[in-house]
N, C-alpha and C. Protein backbone atom coordinates (compact mmCIF):
# COMPACT_ATOMS: atom_id res chain seq x y z
N MET A 1 3.87 -17.19 -25.75
CA MET A 1 3.59 -16.53 -24.46
C MET A 1 4.79 -15.69 -24.09
N ALA A 2 4.50 -14.53 -23.53
CA ALA A 2 5.55 -13.59 -23.10
C ALA A 2 6.28 -14.15 -21.96
N LYS A 3 7.55 -13.67 -21.77
CA LYS A 3 8.34 -14.14 -20.60
C LYS A 3 7.75 -13.48 -19.38
N MET A 4 7.84 -14.36 -18.30
CA MET A 4 7.28 -13.91 -17.09
C MET A 4 8.40 -14.06 -15.99
N ARG A 5 8.54 -13.08 -15.18
CA ARG A 5 9.47 -13.13 -14.12
C ARG A 5 8.66 -13.38 -12.81
N LEU A 6 9.09 -14.42 -12.03
CA LEU A 6 8.32 -14.70 -10.82
C LEU A 6 9.33 -14.58 -9.62
N LYS A 7 8.89 -13.89 -8.64
CA LYS A 7 9.69 -13.81 -7.44
C LYS A 7 9.18 -14.81 -6.46
N LEU A 8 10.00 -15.68 -5.96
CA LEU A 8 9.61 -16.83 -5.02
C LEU A 8 10.56 -16.97 -3.94
N ALA A 9 11.02 -15.87 -3.33
CA ALA A 9 12.06 -15.92 -2.23
C ALA A 9 11.36 -16.14 -0.87
N THR A 10 10.11 -15.69 -0.70
CA THR A 10 9.44 -15.83 0.62
C THR A 10 8.10 -16.37 0.36
N PRO A 11 7.48 -16.90 1.45
CA PRO A 11 6.13 -17.45 1.31
C PRO A 11 5.11 -16.43 0.82
N GLN A 12 5.34 -15.11 1.13
CA GLN A 12 4.50 -14.02 0.67
C GLN A 12 4.67 -13.90 -0.84
N ASP A 13 5.88 -14.02 -1.38
CA ASP A 13 6.07 -13.98 -2.73
C ASP A 13 5.37 -15.11 -3.53
N VAL A 14 5.46 -16.29 -2.90
CA VAL A 14 4.74 -17.43 -3.50
C VAL A 14 3.19 -17.29 -3.51
N ARG A 15 2.71 -16.69 -2.46
CA ARG A 15 1.31 -16.43 -2.40
C ARG A 15 0.86 -15.41 -3.49
N ARG A 16 1.70 -14.38 -3.62
CA ARG A 16 1.37 -13.34 -4.68
C ARG A 16 1.41 -13.99 -6.06
N THR A 17 2.39 -14.83 -6.26
CA THR A 17 2.63 -15.50 -7.55
C THR A 17 1.36 -16.42 -7.89
N LEU A 18 1.01 -17.17 -6.81
CA LEU A 18 -0.20 -18.04 -7.09
C LEU A 18 -1.47 -17.21 -7.37
N ALA A 19 -1.64 -16.16 -6.73
CA ALA A 19 -2.78 -15.33 -7.03
C ALA A 19 -2.71 -14.71 -8.40
N ARG A 20 -1.52 -14.29 -8.79
CA ARG A 20 -1.25 -13.70 -10.18
C ARG A 20 -1.56 -14.76 -11.26
N VAL A 21 -1.02 -16.02 -11.05
CA VAL A 21 -1.24 -17.02 -11.97
C VAL A 21 -2.74 -17.49 -12.01
N ALA A 22 -3.37 -17.53 -10.93
CA ALA A 22 -4.85 -17.85 -10.94
C ALA A 22 -5.61 -16.81 -11.70
N ASN A 23 -5.33 -15.55 -11.48
CA ASN A 23 -6.01 -14.48 -12.22
C ASN A 23 -5.71 -14.56 -13.71
N MET A 24 -4.44 -14.84 -14.05
CA MET A 24 -4.11 -14.96 -15.41
C MET A 24 -4.84 -16.15 -16.10
N THR A 25 -4.97 -17.23 -15.42
CA THR A 25 -5.59 -18.40 -15.91
C THR A 25 -7.10 -18.15 -16.15
N ILE A 26 -7.79 -17.46 -15.13
CA ILE A 26 -9.21 -17.12 -15.26
C ILE A 26 -9.41 -16.17 -16.38
N ASN A 27 -8.50 -15.25 -16.67
CA ASN A 27 -8.69 -14.29 -17.72
C ASN A 27 -8.22 -14.77 -19.06
N GLY A 28 -7.73 -15.98 -19.12
CA GLY A 28 -7.30 -16.58 -20.41
C GLY A 28 -6.01 -16.04 -20.90
N GLU A 29 -5.21 -15.53 -20.01
CA GLU A 29 -3.86 -14.94 -20.32
C GLU A 29 -2.71 -15.96 -20.33
N ILE A 30 -2.97 -17.16 -19.76
CA ILE A 30 -1.99 -18.15 -19.66
C ILE A 30 -2.64 -19.54 -19.86
N ASP A 31 -1.91 -20.43 -20.49
CA ASP A 31 -2.35 -21.73 -20.77
C ASP A 31 -2.53 -22.45 -19.45
N PRO A 32 -3.61 -23.22 -19.25
CA PRO A 32 -3.81 -23.95 -17.95
C PRO A 32 -2.67 -24.89 -17.65
N LYS A 33 -2.07 -25.52 -18.65
CA LYS A 33 -0.99 -26.40 -18.39
C LYS A 33 0.17 -25.69 -17.88
N ALA A 34 0.53 -24.56 -18.48
CA ALA A 34 1.60 -23.67 -17.99
C ALA A 34 1.35 -23.24 -16.54
N ALA A 35 0.08 -22.81 -16.35
CA ALA A 35 -0.32 -22.41 -14.96
C ALA A 35 -0.04 -23.61 -13.99
N ASN A 36 -0.44 -24.73 -14.33
CA ASN A 36 -0.28 -25.90 -13.43
C ASN A 36 1.21 -26.11 -13.12
N THR A 37 2.05 -26.02 -14.17
CA THR A 37 3.48 -26.15 -14.02
C THR A 37 4.02 -25.15 -12.97
N ILE A 38 3.52 -23.90 -13.11
CA ILE A 38 4.00 -22.82 -12.20
C ILE A 38 3.54 -23.15 -10.82
N ILE A 39 2.28 -23.61 -10.66
CA ILE A 39 1.72 -23.96 -9.33
C ILE A 39 2.51 -25.05 -8.70
N LEU A 40 2.86 -26.08 -9.53
CA LEU A 40 3.73 -27.21 -8.95
C LEU A 40 5.03 -26.62 -8.47
N ALA A 41 5.69 -25.76 -9.26
CA ALA A 41 6.97 -25.15 -8.85
C ALA A 41 6.82 -24.34 -7.63
N CYS A 42 5.71 -23.62 -7.47
CA CYS A 42 5.48 -22.86 -6.27
C CYS A 42 5.29 -23.68 -5.05
N ASN A 43 4.64 -24.80 -5.18
CA ASN A 43 4.47 -25.72 -4.05
C ASN A 43 5.85 -26.33 -3.64
N ALA A 44 6.69 -26.64 -4.63
CA ALA A 44 8.04 -27.19 -4.31
C ALA A 44 8.89 -26.12 -3.59
N VAL A 45 8.84 -24.89 -4.09
CA VAL A 45 9.59 -23.84 -3.48
C VAL A 45 9.05 -23.60 -2.03
N LEU A 46 7.75 -23.51 -1.87
CA LEU A 46 7.24 -23.26 -0.53
C LEU A 46 7.60 -24.37 0.40
N SER A 47 7.57 -25.58 -0.03
CA SER A 47 7.98 -26.73 0.83
C SER A 47 9.46 -26.58 1.24
N SER A 48 10.31 -26.18 0.33
CA SER A 48 11.65 -25.93 0.60
C SER A 48 11.87 -24.73 1.65
N LEU A 49 11.15 -23.72 1.44
CA LEU A 49 11.20 -22.57 2.38
C LEU A 49 10.77 -22.93 3.74
N ARG A 50 9.79 -23.77 3.84
CA ARG A 50 9.28 -24.24 5.19
C ARG A 50 10.36 -25.14 5.85
N THR A 51 10.98 -25.96 5.07
CA THR A 51 12.07 -26.86 5.60
C THR A 51 13.17 -26.01 6.05
N ASP A 52 13.57 -24.96 5.34
CA ASP A 52 14.69 -24.12 5.72
C ASP A 52 14.32 -23.43 7.05
N GLU A 53 13.15 -23.00 7.11
CA GLU A 53 12.69 -22.25 8.35
C GLU A 53 12.67 -23.17 9.51
N GLN A 54 12.16 -24.37 9.29
CA GLN A 54 12.20 -25.33 10.45
C GLN A 54 13.56 -25.66 10.88
N GLN A 55 14.55 -25.86 9.92
CA GLN A 55 15.88 -26.13 10.30
C GLN A 55 16.50 -25.04 11.10
N LYS A 56 16.18 -23.74 10.66
CA LYS A 56 16.70 -22.61 11.38
C LYS A 56 16.19 -22.55 12.83
N LYS A 57 14.97 -22.95 13.01
CA LYS A 57 14.43 -22.95 14.40
C LYS A 57 15.04 -24.05 15.24
N ILE A 58 15.28 -25.22 14.60
CA ILE A 58 15.86 -26.36 15.34
C ILE A 58 17.29 -25.95 15.68
N ASP A 59 18.05 -25.28 14.78
CA ASP A 59 19.43 -24.86 15.11
C ASP A 59 19.35 -23.89 16.26
N GLU A 60 18.39 -22.96 16.32
CA GLU A 60 18.31 -22.00 17.40
C GLU A 60 18.04 -22.70 18.73
N LEU A 61 17.13 -23.67 18.69
CA LEU A 61 16.77 -24.39 19.90
C LEU A 61 17.96 -25.24 20.40
N GLU A 62 18.61 -25.83 19.50
CA GLU A 62 19.83 -26.61 19.94
C GLU A 62 20.85 -25.72 20.55
N LYS A 63 21.08 -24.52 20.05
CA LYS A 63 21.95 -23.53 20.68
C LYS A 63 21.54 -23.16 22.04
N LEU A 64 20.27 -22.84 22.15
CA LEU A 64 19.67 -22.45 23.47
C LEU A 64 19.90 -23.64 24.46
N LEU A 65 19.69 -24.88 24.05
CA LEU A 65 19.80 -26.05 24.92
C LEU A 65 21.28 -26.21 25.34
N GLU A 66 22.14 -26.01 24.42
CA GLU A 66 23.55 -26.00 24.69
C GLU A 66 23.95 -24.97 25.71
N ASP A 67 23.43 -23.74 25.61
CA ASP A 67 23.75 -22.73 26.51
C ASP A 67 23.20 -22.95 27.89
N VAL A 68 21.99 -23.53 28.00
CA VAL A 68 21.37 -23.86 29.26
C VAL A 68 22.12 -24.99 29.89
N THR A 69 22.53 -26.00 29.16
CA THR A 69 23.28 -27.15 29.70
C THR A 69 24.57 -26.72 30.18
N ARG A 70 25.30 -25.87 29.52
CA ARG A 70 26.60 -25.35 29.98
C ARG A 70 26.46 -24.55 31.23
N GLY A 71 25.32 -23.81 31.33
CA GLY A 71 25.20 -22.92 32.50
C GLY A 71 24.81 -23.70 33.80
N SER A 72 24.45 -24.99 33.68
CA SER A 72 24.04 -25.77 34.85
C SER A 72 25.16 -26.27 35.53
């Protein structure tokens, strides 16, 4: 199998990768086991991205709360 570069930096990248892997699997261009491995990796990356985004929002809310508390 040829080397494949996958961009997984954003949820949109993950979505594109999943669509690409699905098409490759349907067209017989990639082994289903390899495709499953990539899909599992995409799910792990997507979960991590969501966690990072949630933490960023929590941090922003905590800062806003501190600013409001100080202003009172």
